[in-house]
Amino acid sequence: MTKPGLDVAESLLTTSSEPDAWTTVLADLLSGSVPSGQHAETLHALGASLATGHSARDRTRQTILRLLAQREALAGPVADDPEPAVMPFWPGENPQPLPPIGGSGLAGCSIVAVNSDLNPVSLGPLASWFATPADEIVLVDLATRFRLAQVLQAAHIDDPRLRVVRIASEEACFPSQAFNAGFRIARHARILGLAGIVLERNYLSTVLLSGDFLLDCGPPDGSSILLDINRRDLSACCGFNEHLDSAAWMADDLAARLAVLGRRWGRTPTERFSRQQQPPKVEPPQMASLGDVLKSDPELAALRNRFIALVMPEWTVAALTPFFAASL
């Protein structure tokens, strides 16, 4: 039988295409073979590898994990957060508002990523970020069931460059809001926003000229994004548009607004990064109607989104979510 626990949880991150391995670990978890101290990281790994490309099966797996997470939450007291939190309001005294994205920063590069229940930060990409000479790695925990800082601590991940900030909000929060919170917290002049990206060690040896930005959106589901931009340019366009709830849509909108400001979309060094393995694309049925085929076309969806964005309120710094924190 497959060995339960952290070793199996980590192996799932590289064998997500094997449904038998996923089911085996789930059975170990349900049977009590996984030690209680390893439940959080095992569930985290199961969530990161649940996709099979079959929508019905994936929905069933999500339901199972959601029920398991609720069971774990009721099993005992929740430990105090080891990381600072930001939220749309602050219940205590003397709240500190999170400032907008500043135009200047320290020399160096900040990596920013968002961890959510639907798109968790996996150990594989995270290890590749630590291998680069990045000066800071900001992970925004988007109100996940299991606190990211505790999962990282259980996996013995400790690096002085790492900053984990949790968005503590019972209300829905979009990836655009979470990424912008990370951009506002980041301290360096070059910002690298990542989702599902594995970096080569030499990625940051590429010089990013003033006025240039790199953007690679990957698949239309937004599971893989690379944004490489100078802080001054990101500040000029106020980051991602928080009116938008889709990762692919917010990336497309950001590129359009940067182009209006005269910024140049540079060539992405594809040889210096790769995407985390994604589930196979589900093609429309052969007998699908023309409407079904068009609805599944990401180019048509992007064009539709651009027209919608034109009639939406203009994205400005005044519209940023007013997050507050006790300390950062």
C-alpha atoms as a PDB file:
ATOM      1  CA  MET A   1       0.000   0.000   0.000  1.00  0.00           C
ATOM      2  CA  THR A   2       1.152   3.511  -0.698  1.00  0.00           C
ATOM      3  CA  LYS A   3       2.831   5.118   2.309  1.00  0.00           C
ATOM      4  CA  PRO A   4       0.506   7.771   3.795  1.00  0.00           C
ATOM      5  CA  GLY A   5       1.495  11.194   5.029  1.00  0.00           C
ATOM      6  CA  LEU A   6       3.675  14.038   3.829  1.00  0.00           C
ATOM      7  CA  ASP A   7       5.799  11.962   1.427  1.00  0.00           C
ATOM      8  CA  VAL A   8       2.686  10.846  -0.435  1.00  0.00           C
ATOM      9  CA  ALA A   9       1.208  14.361  -0.324  1.00  0.00           C
ATOM     10  CA  GLU A  10       4.337  15.802  -1.931  1.00  0.00           C
ATOM     11  CA  SER A  11       4.488  13.035  -4.552  1.00  0.00           C
ATOM     12  CA  LEU A  12       0.941  13.851  -5.625  1.00  0.00           C
ATOM     13  CA  LEU A  13       2.139  17.243  -6.823  1.00  0.00           C
ATOM     14  CA  THR A  14       4.181  15.514  -9.538  1.00  0.00           C
ATOM     15  CA  THR A  15       1.793  12.633 -10.274  1.00  0.00           C
ATOM     16  CA  SER A  16      -1.527  14.443 -10.503  1.00  0.00           C
ATOM     17  CA  SER A  17      -2.282  12.681 -13.808  1.00  0.00           C
ATOM     18  CA  GLU A  18      -2.637   9.345 -11.918  1.00  0.00           C
ATOM     19  CA  PRO A  19      -6.153   9.142 -10.493  1.00  0.00           C
ATOM     20  CA  ASP A  20      -5.325   5.838  -8.714  1.00  0.00           C
ATOM     21  CA  ALA A  21      -2.685   7.596  -6.582  1.00  0.00           C
ATOM     22  CA  TRP A  22      -5.174  10.342  -5.687  1.00  0.00           C
ATOM     23  CA  THR A  23      -7.827   7.812  -4.686  1.00  0.00           C
ATOM     24  CA  THR A  24      -5.315   5.763  -2.678  1.00  0.00           C
ATOM     25  CA  VAL A  25      -4.254   8.758  -0.583  1.00  0.00           C
ATOM     26  CA  LEU A  26      -7.899   9.764  -0.096  1.00  0.00           C
ATOM     27  CA  ALA A  27      -8.653   6.246   1.164  1.00  0.00           C
ATOM     28  CA  ASP A  28      -5.685   6.420   3.554  1.00  0.00           C
ATOM     29  CA  LEU A  29      -6.983   9.739   4.876  1.00  0.00           C
ATOM     30  CA  LEU A  30     -10.522   8.421   5.379  1.00  0.00           C
ATOM     31  CA  SER A  31      -9.326   5.221   7.041  1.00  0.00           C
ATOM     32  CA  GLY A  32      -7.176   7.082   9.568  1.00  0.00           C
ATOM     33  CA  SER A  33      -3.854   5.812   8.174  1.00  0.00           C
ATOM     34  CA  VAL A  34      -2.578   9.386   7.790  1.00  0.00           C
ATOM     35  CA  PRO A  35      -1.313  10.819  11.112  1.00  0.00           C
ATOM     36  CA  SER A  36      -3.459  13.686  12.384  1.00  0.00           C
ATOM     37  CA  GLY A  37      -0.523  16.089  12.231  1.00  0.00           C
ATOM     38  CA  GLN A  38      -0.280  15.515   8.466  1.00  0.00           C
ATOM     39  CA  HIS A  39      -3.962  15.963   7.572  1.00  0.00           C
ATOM     40  CA  ALA A  40      -3.572  19.607   6.525  1.00  0.00           C
ATOM     41  CA  GLU A  41      -0.742  19.110   4.052  1.00  0.00           C
ATOM     42  CA  THR A  42      -2.335  15.915   2.686  1.00  0.00           C
ATOM     43  CA  LEU A  43      -5.632  17.721   2.014  1.00  0.00           C
ATOM     44  CA  HIS A  44      -3.700  20.639   0.504  1.00  0.00           C
ATOM     45  CA  ALA A  45      -1.925  18.260  -1.899  1.00  0.00           C
ATOM     46  CA  LEU A  46      -5.177  16.495  -2.786  1.00  0.00           C
ATOM     47  CA  GLY A  47      -6.719  19.853  -3.632  1.00  0.00           C
ATOM     48  CA  ALA A  48      -3.748  20.758  -5.826  1.00  0.00           C
ATOM     49  CA  SER A  49      -4.018  17.512  -7.808  1.00  0.00           C
ATOM     50  CA  LEU A  50      -7.741  16.825  -8.038  1.00  0.00           C
ATOM     51  CA  ALA A  51      -8.201  17.894 -11.685  1.00  0.00           C
ATOM     52  CA  THR A  52      -8.762  15.062 -14.172  1.00  0.00           C
ATOM     53  CA  GLY A  53     -10.318  16.960 -17.061  1.00  0.00           C
ATOM     54  CA  HIS A  54     -13.748  15.380 -16.401  1.00  0.00           C
ATOM     55  CA  SER A  55     -16.021  18.037 -14.943  1.00  0.00           C
ATOM     56  CA  ALA A  56     -18.366  15.657 -13.086  1.00  0.00           C
ATOM     57  CA  ARG A  57     -15.512  13.757 -11.466  1.00  0.00           C
ATOM     58  CA  ASP A  58     -13.710  16.967 -10.523  1.00  0.00           C
ATOM     59  CA  ARG A  59     -16.859  18.408  -8.927  1.00  0.00           C
ATOM     60  CA  THR A  60     -17.263  15.220  -6.877  1.00  0.00           C
ATOM     61  CA  ARG A  61     -13.661  15.436  -5.704  1.00  0.00           C
ATOM     62  CA  GLN A  62     -14.120  19.101  -4.738  1.00  0.00           C
ATOM     63  CA  THR A  63     -17.222  18.196  -2.713  1.00  0.00           C
ATOM     64  CA  ILE A  64     -15.361  15.399  -0.913  1.00  0.00           C
ATOM     65  CA  LEU A  65     -12.472  17.702   0.004  1.00  0.00           C
ATOM     66  CA  ARG A  66     -14.826  20.455   1.135  1.00  0.00           C
ATOM     67  CA  LEU A  67     -16.628  18.041   3.493  1.00  0.00           C
ATOM     68  CA  LEU A  68     -13.316  16.709   4.795  1.00  0.00           C
ATOM     69  CA  ALA A  69     -12.102  20.256   5.419  1.00  0.00           C
ATOM     70  CA  GLN A  70     -15.268  21.032   7.371  1.00  0.00           C
ATOM     71  CA  ARG A  71     -14.747  17.868   9.436  1.00  0.00           C
ATOM     72  CA  GLU A  72     -11.167  18.869  10.213  1.00  0.00           C
ATOM     73  CA  ALA A  73     -12.290  22.367  11.215  1.00  0.00           C
ATOM     74  CA  LEU A  74     -14.770  20.889  13.722  1.00  0.00           C
ATOM     75  CA  ALA A  75     -12.302  18.336  15.091  1.00  0.00           C
ATOM     76  CA  GLY A  76     -10.518  20.740  17.413  1.00  0.00           C
ATOM     77  CA  PRO A  77      -9.478  24.328  18.123  1.00  0.00           C
ATOM     78  CA  VAL A  78      -7.774  26.287  15.391  1.00  0.00           C
ATOM     79  CA  ALA A  79      -4.279  27.528  16.198  1.00  0.00           C
ATOM     80  CA  ASP A  80      -3.504  31.220  16.115  1.00  0.00           C
ATOM     81  CA  ASP A  81      -2.419  32.617  12.767  1.00  0.00           C
ATOM     82  CA  PRO A  82       1.393  32.729  12.567  1.00  0.00           C
ATOM     83  CA  GLU A  83       1.111  35.256   9.737  1.00  0.00           C
ATOM     84  CA  PRO A  84      -0.297  38.797   9.629  1.00  0.00           C
ATOM     85  CA  ALA A  85      -3.760  39.284   8.206  1.00  0.00           C
ATOM     86  CA  VAL A  86      -5.404  41.919   6.043  1.00  0.00           C
ATOM     87  CA  MET A  87      -9.134  42.410   5.705  1.00  0.00           C
ATOM     88  CA  PRO A  88     -11.665  44.861   4.228  1.00  0.00           C
ATOM     89  CA  PHE A  89     -12.309  46.166   7.766  1.00  0.00           C
ATOM     90  CA  TRP A  90     -10.414  46.075  11.042  1.00  0.00           C
ATOM     91  CA  PRO A  91     -12.313  45.261  14.250  1.00  0.00           C
ATOM     92  CA  GLY A  92      -9.600  46.538  16.606  1.00  0.00           C
ATOM     93  CA  GLU A  93      -8.221  49.975  17.318  1.00  0.00           C
ATOM     94  CA  ASN A  94      -5.767  52.013  15.213  1.00  0.00           C
ATOM     95  CA  PRO A  95      -6.102  50.107  11.924  1.00  0.00           C
ATOM     96  CA  GLN A  96      -3.338  50.609   9.374  1.00  0.00           C
ATOM     97  CA  PRO A  97      -4.698  51.031   5.820  1.00  0.00           C
ATOM     98  CA  LEU A  98      -2.823  49.151   3.152  1.00  0.00           C
ATOM     99  CA  PRO A  99      -1.337  51.822   0.850  1.00  0.00           C
ATOM    100  CA  PRO A 100      -1.756  51.664  -2.934  1.00  0.00           C
ATOM    101  CA  ILE A 101       1.029  50.312  -5.138  1.00  0.00           C
ATOM    102  CA  GLY A 102       3.888  52.770  -4.726  1.00  0.00           C
ATOM    103  CA  GLY A 103       5.860  54.006  -7.711  1.00  0.00           C
ATOM    104  CA  SER A 104       9.278  53.359  -6.173  1.00  0.00           C
ATOM    105  CA  GLY A 105      10.765  50.438  -4.300  1.00  0.00           C
ATOM    106  CA  LEU A 106      13.948  48.833  -3.085  1.00  0.00           C
ATOM    107  CA  ALA A 107      16.438  47.540  -5.606  1.00  0.00           C
ATOM    108  CA  GLY A 108      15.706  43.928  -6.482  1.00  0.00           C
ATOM    109  CA  CYS A 109      12.724  41.727  -7.270  1.00  0.00           C
ATOM    110  CA  SER A 110       9.613  40.673  -5.347  1.00  0.00           C
ATOM    111  CA  ILE A 111       7.738  37.514  -6.345  1.00  0.00           C
ATOM    112  CA  VAL A 112       3.999  37.682  -5.593  1.00  0.00           C
ATOM    113  CA  ALA A 113       1.633  34.708  -5.704  1.00  0.00           C
ATOM    114  CA  VAL A 114      -1.881  33.946  -4.446  1.00  0.00           C
ATOM    115  CA  ASN A 115      -2.870  30.762  -2.638  1.00  0.00           C
ATOM    116  CA  SER A 116      -6.558  29.813  -2.820  1.00  0.00           C
ATOM    117  CA  ASP A 117      -8.608  26.666  -2.323  1.00  0.00           C
ATOM    118  CA  LEU A 118      -9.283  26.457  -6.072  1.00  0.00           C
ATOM    119  CA  ASN A 119      -5.740  27.307  -7.184  1.00  0.00           C
ATOM    120  CA  PRO A 120      -3.280  26.464  -4.385  1.00  0.00           C
ATOM    121  CA  VAL A 121       0.429  27.240  -4.520  1.00  0.00           C
ATOM    122  CA  SER A 122       2.160  23.884  -5.032  1.00  0.00           C
ATOM    123  CA  LEU A 123       5.511  22.899  -3.607  1.00  0.00           C
ATOM    124  CA  GLY A 124       7.102  22.357  -7.026  1.00  0.00           C
ATOM    125  CA  PRO A 125       6.753  25.940  -8.312  1.00  0.00           C
ATOM    126  CA  LEU A 126       7.494  27.320  -4.834  1.00  0.00           C
ATOM    127  CA  ALA A 127      10.799  25.426  -4.682  1.00  0.00           C
ATOM    128  CA  SER A 128      11.810  26.888  -8.056  1.00  0.00           C
ATOM    129  CA  TRP A 129      11.109  30.429  -6.791  1.00  0.00           C
ATOM    130  CA  PHE A 130      13.339  29.869  -3.778  1.00  0.00           C
ATOM    131  CA  ALA A 131      16.103  28.730  -6.142  1.00  0.00           C
ATOM    132  CA  THR A 132      16.162  32.146  -7.854  1.00  0.00           C
ATOM    133  CA  PRO A 133      17.963  35.200  -6.417  1.00  0.00           C
ATOM    134  CA  ALA A 134      14.613  36.944  -5.774  1.00  0.00           C
ATOM    135  CA  ASP A 135      14.844  39.327  -2.812  1.00  0.00           C
ATOM    136  CA  GLU A 136      11.330  38.687  -1.505  1.00  0.00           C
ATOM    137  CA  ILE A 137       8.548  36.132  -1.960  1.00  0.00           C
ATOM    138  CA  VAL A 138       5.092  37.379  -0.952  1.00  0.00           C
ATOM    139  CA  LEU A 139       2.390  34.699  -0.684  1.00  0.00           C
ATOM    140  CA  VAL A 140      -1.166  35.940  -0.224  1.00  0.00           C
ATOM    141  CA  ASP A 141      -3.360  33.325   1.450  1.00  0.00           C
ATOM    142  CA  LEU A 142      -6.871  33.932   0.129  1.00  0.00           C
ATOM    143  CA  ALA A 143      -8.894  32.859   3.204  1.00  0.00           C
ATOM    144  CA  THR A 144      -8.136  29.169   2.604  1.00  0.00           C
ATOM    145  CA  ARG A 145      -9.533  26.495   4.880  1.00  0.00           C
ATOM    146  CA  PHE A 146      -6.041  25.475   5.977  1.00  0.00           C
ATOM    147  CA  ARG A 147      -3.750  28.387   6.748  1.00  0.00           C
ATOM    148  CA  LEU A 148      -0.883  28.504   4.267  1.00  0.00           C
ATOM    149  CA  ALA A 149       1.685  29.442   6.898  1.00  0.00           C
ATOM    150  CA  GLN A 150       0.845  26.315   8.878  1.00  0.00           C
ATOM    151  CA  VAL A 151       1.043  24.116   5.775  1.00  0.00           C
ATOM    152  CA  LEU A 152       4.466  25.551   4.925  1.00  0.00           C
ATOM    153  CA  GLN A 153       5.615  25.070   8.493  1.00  0.00           C
ATOM    154  CA  ALA A 154       4.490  21.435   8.445  1.00  0.00           C
ATOM    155  CA  ALA A 155       6.446  20.924   5.206  1.00  0.00           C
ATOM    156  CA  HIS A 156       9.537  22.467   6.889  1.00  0.00           C
ATOM    157  CA  ILE A 157       9.651  25.338   4.384  1.00  0.00           C
ATOM    158  CA  ASP A 158      11.478  28.254   5.930  1.00  0.00           C
ATOM    159  CA  ASP A 159      13.253  31.041   4.079  1.00  0.00           C
ATOM    160  CA  PRO A 160      13.994  34.559   5.355  1.00  0.00           C
ATOM    161  CA  ARG A 161      12.723  36.011   2.074  1.00  0.00           C
ATOM    162  CA  LEU A 162       9.258  34.524   2.559  1.00  0.00           C
ATOM    163  CA  ARG A 163       6.347  36.741   3.645  1.00  0.00           C
ATOM    164  CA  VAL A 164       2.923  35.132   4.078  1.00  0.00           C
ATOM    165  CA  VAL A 165      -0.094  37.408   4.470  1.00  0.00           C
ATOM    166  CA  ARG A 166      -3.593  36.059   4.944  1.00  0.00           C
ATOM    167  CA  ILE A 167      -6.708  37.797   3.645  1.00  0.00           C
ATOM    168  CA  ALA A 168      -9.178  37.198   6.455  1.00  0.00           C
ATOM    169  CA  SER A 169     -12.592  37.889   5.000  1.00  0.00           C
ATOM    170  CA  GLU A 170     -15.848  35.972   5.007  1.00  0.00           C
ATOM    171  CA  GLU A 171     -16.889  37.747   1.819  1.00  0.00           C
ATOM    172  CA  ALA A 172     -15.854  36.577  -1.637  1.00  0.00           C
ATOM    173  CA  CYS A 173     -12.500  37.937  -2.753  1.00  0.00           C
ATOM    174  CA  PHE A 174     -11.337  37.806  -6.362  1.00  0.00           C
ATOM    175  CA  PRO A 175      -7.817  36.831  -7.471  1.00  0.00           C
ATOM    176  CA  SER A 176      -7.394  40.385  -8.765  1.00  0.00           C
ATOM    177  CA  GLN A 177      -7.941  41.775  -5.244  1.00  0.00           C
ATOM    178  CA  ALA A 178      -5.554  39.238  -3.722  1.00  0.00           C
ATOM    179  CA  PHE A 179      -2.822  39.890  -6.288  1.00  0.00           C
ATOM    180  CA  ASN A 180      -3.171  43.632  -5.801  1.00  0.00           C
ATOM    181  CA  ALA A 181      -2.860  43.167  -2.034  1.00  0.00           C
ATOM    182  CA  GLY A 182       0.401  41.323  -2.667  1.00  0.00           C
ATOM    183  CA  PHE A 183       1.626  44.049  -5.027  1.00  0.00           C
ATOM    184  CA  ARG A 184       0.827  46.674  -2.385  1.00  0.00           C
ATOM    185  CA  ILE A 185       2.768  44.734   0.255  1.00  0.00           C
ATOM    186  CA  ALA A 186       5.775  43.925  -1.978  1.00  0.00           C
ATOM    187  CA  ARG A 187       8.774  46.195  -1.411  1.00  0.00           C
ATOM    188  CA  HIS A 188      10.995  45.917  -4.484  1.00  0.00           C
ATOM    189  CA  ALA A 189      11.241  47.746  -7.801  1.00  0.00           C
ATOM    190  CA  ARG A 190      10.684  44.704 -10.024  1.00  0.00           C
ATOM    191  CA  ILE A 191       7.556  42.637  -9.412  1.00  0.00           C
ATOM    192  CA  LEU A 192       6.947  39.126 -10.661  1.00  0.00           C
ATOM    193  CA  GLY A 193       3.334  37.954 -10.305  1.00  0.00           C
ATOM    194  CA  LEU A 194       3.068  34.174 -10.689  1.00  0.00           C
ATOM    195  CA  ALA A 195       0.447  31.432 -10.748  1.00  0.00           C
ATOM    196  CA  GLY A 196       1.326  27.846 -11.661  1.00  0.00           C
ATOM    197  CA  ILE A 197       4.763  28.855 -13.020  1.00  0.00           C
ATOM    198  CA  VAL A 198       8.037  26.981 -12.513  1.00  0.00           C
ATOM    199  CA  LEU A 199      11.018  29.323 -12.917  1.00  0.00           C
ATOM    200  CA  GLU A 200      14.494  28.418 -14.105  1.00  0.00           C
ATOM    201  CA  ARG A 201      17.282  29.507 -11.771  1.00  0.00           C
ATOM    202  CA  ASN A 202      18.503  32.089 -14.290  1.00  0.00           C
ATOM    203  CA  TYR A 203      15.127  33.709 -15.001  1.00  0.00           C
ATOM    204  CA  LEU A 204      15.970  36.966 -13.235  1.00  0.00           C
ATOM    205  CA  SER A 205      19.186  37.364 -15.239  1.00  0.00           C
ATOM    206  CA  THR A 206      16.911  38.836 -17.916  1.00  0.00           C
ATOM    207  CA  VAL A 207      17.012  42.628 -17.614  1.00  0.00           C
ATOM    208  CA  LEU A 208      13.576  44.262 -17.687  1.00  0.00           C
ATOM    209  CA  LEU A 209      13.909  47.682 -19.298  1.00  0.00           C
ATOM    210  CA  SER A 210      11.910  50.655 -18.068  1.00  0.00           C
ATOM    211  CA  GLY A 211       8.557  50.764 -19.859  1.00  0.00           C
ATOM    212  CA  ASP A 212       8.665  47.065 -20.774  1.00  0.00           C
ATOM    213  CA  PHE A 213       6.502  44.350 -19.279  1.00  0.00           C
ATOM    214  CA  LEU A 214       6.180  40.613 -19.854  1.00  0.00           C
ATOM    215  CA  LEU A 215       2.832  38.833 -19.630  1.00  0.00           C
ATOM    216  CA  ASP A 216       2.062  35.191 -20.366  1.00  0.00           C
ATOM    217  CA  CYS A 217      -1.498  34.159 -19.579  1.00  0.00           C
ATOM    218  CA  GLY A 218      -1.281  30.465 -20.427  1.00  0.00           C
ATOM    219  CA  PRO A 219      -4.616  28.577 -20.558  1.00  0.00           C
ATOM    220  CA  PRO A 220      -7.854  30.581 -20.443  1.00  0.00           C
ATOM    221  CA  ASP A 221      -8.779  29.150 -17.018  1.00  0.00           C
ATOM    222  CA  GLY A 222      -6.155  31.422 -15.433  1.00  0.00           C
ATOM    223  CA  SER A 223      -4.356  28.567 -13.680  1.00  0.00           C
ATOM    224  CA  SER A 224      -1.039  29.748 -15.130  1.00  0.00           C
ATOM    225  CA  ILE A 225       0.004  33.422 -15.244  1.00  0.00           C
ATOM    226  CA  LEU A 226       3.364  35.171 -15.450  1.00  0.00           C
ATOM    227  CA  LEU A 227       3.525  38.952 -15.054  1.00  0.00           C
ATOM    228  CA  ASP A 228       6.974  40.569 -15.018  1.00  0.00           C
ATOM    229  CA  ILE A 229       6.776  44.330 -14.619  1.00  0.00           C
ATOM    230  CA  ASN A 230       8.538  47.341 -13.157  1.00  0.00           C
ATOM    231  CA  ARG A 231       6.862  48.706 -10.067  1.00  0.00           C
ATOM    232  CA  ARG A 232       6.530  52.205 -11.543  1.00  0.00           C
ATOM    233  CA  ASP A 233       4.560  50.866 -14.523  1.00  0.00           C
ATOM    234  CA  LEU A 234       2.346  48.684 -12.311  1.00  0.00           C
ATOM    235  CA  SER A 235       1.635  51.710 -10.123  1.00  0.00           C
ATOM    236  CA  ALA A 236       0.720  53.833 -13.151  1.00  0.00           C
ATOM    237  CA  CYS A 237      -2.089  51.442 -14.116  1.00  0.00           C
ATOM    238  CA  CYS A 238      -3.144  50.673 -10.503  1.00  0.00           C
ATOM    239  CA  GLY A 239      -2.540  46.934 -10.819  1.00  0.00           C
ATOM    240  CA  PHE A 240      -5.222  44.478 -11.850  1.00  0.00           C
ATOM    241  CA  ASN A 241      -8.808  45.658 -12.334  1.00  0.00           C
ATOM    242  CA  GLU A 242     -10.639  44.395  -9.243  1.00  0.00           C
ATOM    243  CA  HIS A 243     -14.003  44.686 -10.998  1.00  0.00           C
ATOM    244  CA  LEU A 244     -13.045  41.550 -12.946  1.00  0.00           C
ATOM    245  CA  ASP A 245     -13.462  38.073 -11.460  1.00  0.00           C
ATOM    246  CA  SER A 246     -11.531  35.997 -14.013  1.00  0.00           C
ATOM    247  CA  ALA A 247      -7.738  35.607 -13.972  1.00  0.00           C
ATOM    248  CA  ALA A 248      -7.508  35.450 -17.770  1.00  0.00           C
ATOM    249  CA  TRP A 249      -9.795  38.479 -18.105  1.00  0.00           C
ATOM    250  CA  MET A 250      -7.861  40.597 -15.592  1.00  0.00           C
ATOM    251  CA  ALA A 251      -4.566  39.784 -17.362  1.00  0.00           C
ATOM    252  CA  ASP A 252      -5.980  40.727 -20.765  1.00  0.00           C
ATOM    253  CA  ASP A 253      -7.394  43.974 -19.342  1.00  0.00           C
ATOM    254  CA  LEU A 254      -4.064  44.850 -17.696  1.00  0.00           C
ATOM    255  CA  ALA A 255      -2.187  44.418 -20.979  1.00  0.00           C
ATOM    256  CA  ALA A 256      -4.672  46.680 -22.770  1.00  0.00           C
ATOM    257  CA  ARG A 257      -4.360  49.456 -20.163  1.00  0.00           C
ATOM    258  CA  LEU A 258      -0.553  49.246 -20.184  1.00  0.00           C
ATOM    259  CA  ALA A 259      -0.582  49.579 -23.977  1.00  0.00           C
ATOM    260  CA  VAL A 260      -2.716  52.740 -23.697  1.00  0.00           C
ATOM    261  CA  LEU A 261      -0.078  54.156 -21.335  1.00  0.00           C
ATOM    262  CA  GLY A 262       2.613  53.498 -23.936  1.00  0.00           C
ATOM    263  CA  ARG A 263       4.219  50.507 -22.210  1.00  0.00           C
ATOM    264  CA  ARG A 264       5.805  47.844 -24.412  1.00  0.00           C
ATOM    265  CA  TRP A 265       4.816  44.178 -24.263  1.00  0.00           C
ATOM    266  CA  GLY A 266       8.176  42.401 -24.487  1.00  0.00           C
ATOM    267  CA  ARG A 267       9.029  38.886 -25.591  1.00  0.00           C
ATOM    268  CA  THR A 268       8.576  36.402 -22.760  1.00  0.00           C
ATOM    269  CA  PRO A 269      11.704  34.230 -22.292  1.00  0.00           C
ATOM    270  CA  THR A 270       9.807  30.928 -22.571  1.00  0.00           C
ATOM    271  CA  GLU A 271      13.054  28.988 -22.252  1.00  0.00           C
ATOM    272  CA  ARG A 272      13.434  30.261 -18.680  1.00  0.00           C
ATOM    273  CA  PHE A 273      10.143  29.081 -17.227  1.00  0.00           C
ATOM    274  CA  SER A 274       7.583  26.318 -17.621  1.00  0.00           C
ATOM    275  CA  ARG A 275       3.995  25.793 -16.545  1.00  0.00           C
ATOM    276  CA  GLN A 276       2.902  23.413 -13.861  1.00  0.00           C
ATOM    277  CA  GLN A 277       1.344  20.322 -15.408  1.00  0.00           C
ATOM    278  CA  GLN A 278      -2.304  20.997 -16.192  1.00  0.00           C
ATOM    279  CA  PRO A 279      -5.161  18.558 -16.808  1.00  0.00           C
ATOM    280  CA  PRO A 280      -5.861  17.734 -20.467  1.00  0.00           C
ATOM    281  CA  LYS A 281      -8.113  20.151 -22.326  1.00  0.00           C
ATOM    282  CA  VAL A 282     -11.696  18.959 -22.686  1.00  0.00           C
ATOM    283  CA  GLU A 283     -12.703  19.285 -26.320  1.00  0.00           C
ATOM    284  CA  PRO A 284     -16.352  20.002 -27.224  1.00  0.00           C
ATOM    285  CA  PRO A 285     -18.353  16.956 -28.395  1.00  0.00           C
ATOM    286  CA  GLN A 286     -18.107  16.209 -32.099  1.00  0.00           C
ATOM    287  CA  MET A 287     -21.849  16.782 -32.519  1.00  0.00           C
ATOM    288  CA  ALA A 288     -21.761  20.116 -30.666  1.00  0.00           C
ATOM    289  CA  SER A 289     -23.631  23.029 -32.189  1.00  0.00           C
ATOM    290  CA  LEU A 290     -21.873  26.066 -33.629  1.00  0.00           C
ATOM    291  CA  GLY A 291     -22.904  28.015 -30.534  1.00  0.00           C
ATOM    292  CA  ASP A 292     -21.239  25.471 -28.240  1.00  0.00           C
ATOM    293  CA  VAL A 293     -18.038  25.626 -30.285  1.00  0.00           C
ATOM    294  CA  LEU A 294     -17.988  29.438 -30.176  1.00  0.00           C
ATOM    295  CA  LYS A 295     -18.621  29.497 -26.420  1.00  0.00           C
ATOM    296  CA  SER A 296     -15.576  27.265 -25.900  1.00  0.00           C
ATOM    297  CA  ASP A 297     -13.328  29.517 -28.011  1.00  0.00           C
ATOM    298  CA  PRO A 298     -11.030  31.540 -25.677  1.00  0.00           C
ATOM    299  CA  GLU A 299     -10.409  34.159 -28.396  1.00  0.00           C
ATOM    300  CA  LEU A 300     -14.126  34.935 -28.627  1.00  0.00           C
ATOM    301  CA  ALA A 301     -14.375  35.077 -24.826  1.00  0.00           C
ATOM    302  CA  ALA A 302     -11.481  37.555 -24.678  1.00  0.00           C
ATOM    303  CA  LEU A 303     -13.091  39.740 -27.348  1.00  0.00           C
ATOM    304  CA  ARG A 304     -16.418  39.709 -25.496  1.00  0.00           C
ATOM    305  CA  ASN A 305     -14.680  40.622 -22.242  1.00  0.00           C
ATOM    306  CA  ARG A 306     -12.949  43.611 -23.863  1.00  0.00           C
ATOM    307  CA  PHE A 307     -16.301  45.021 -24.993  1.00  0.00           C
ATOM    308  CA  ILE A 308     -17.739  44.520 -21.501  1.00  0.00           C
ATOM    309  CA  ALA A 309     -14.720  46.248 -19.921  1.00  0.00           C
ATOM    310  CA  LEU A 310     -15.310  49.299 -22.112  1.00  0.00           C
ATOM    311  CA  VAL A 311     -18.669  50.018 -20.445  1.00  0.00           C
ATOM    312  CA  MET A 312     -17.500  49.222 -16.899  1.00  0.00           C
ATOM    313  CA  PRO A 313     -16.378  51.961 -14.476  1.00  0.00           C
ATOM    314  CA  GLU A 314     -12.824  53.152 -15.118  1.00  0.00           C
ATOM    315  CA  TRP A 315     -10.266  51.383 -12.945  1.00  0.00           C
ATOM    316  CA  THR A 316      -8.446  53.921 -10.759  1.00  0.00           C
ATOM    317  CA  VAL A 317      -6.491  53.913  -7.522  1.00  0.00           C
ATOM    318  CA  ALA A 318      -9.619  55.166  -5.691  1.00  0.00           C
ATOM    319  CA  ALA A 319     -11.360  51.862  -6.470  1.00  0.00           C
ATOM    320  CA  LEU A 320      -8.768  49.650  -4.746  1.00  0.00           C
ATOM    321  CA  THR A 321     -10.188  47.433  -2.007  1.00  0.00           C
ATOM    322  CA  PRO A 322      -9.524  49.327   1.270  1.00  0.00           C
ATOM    323  CA  PHE A 323      -7.672  46.579   3.121  1.00  0.00           C
ATOM    324  CA  PHE A 324      -6.536  47.199   6.699  1.00  0.00           C
ATOM    325  CA  ALA A 325      -3.993  45.424   8.881  1.00  0.00           C
ATOM    326  CA  ALA A 326      -2.582  45.550  12.389  1.00  0.00           C
ATOM    327  CA  SER A 327       0.994  45.278  11.125  1.00  0.00           C
ATOM    328  CA  LEU A 328       2.844  44.175   8.001  1.00  0.00           C
END
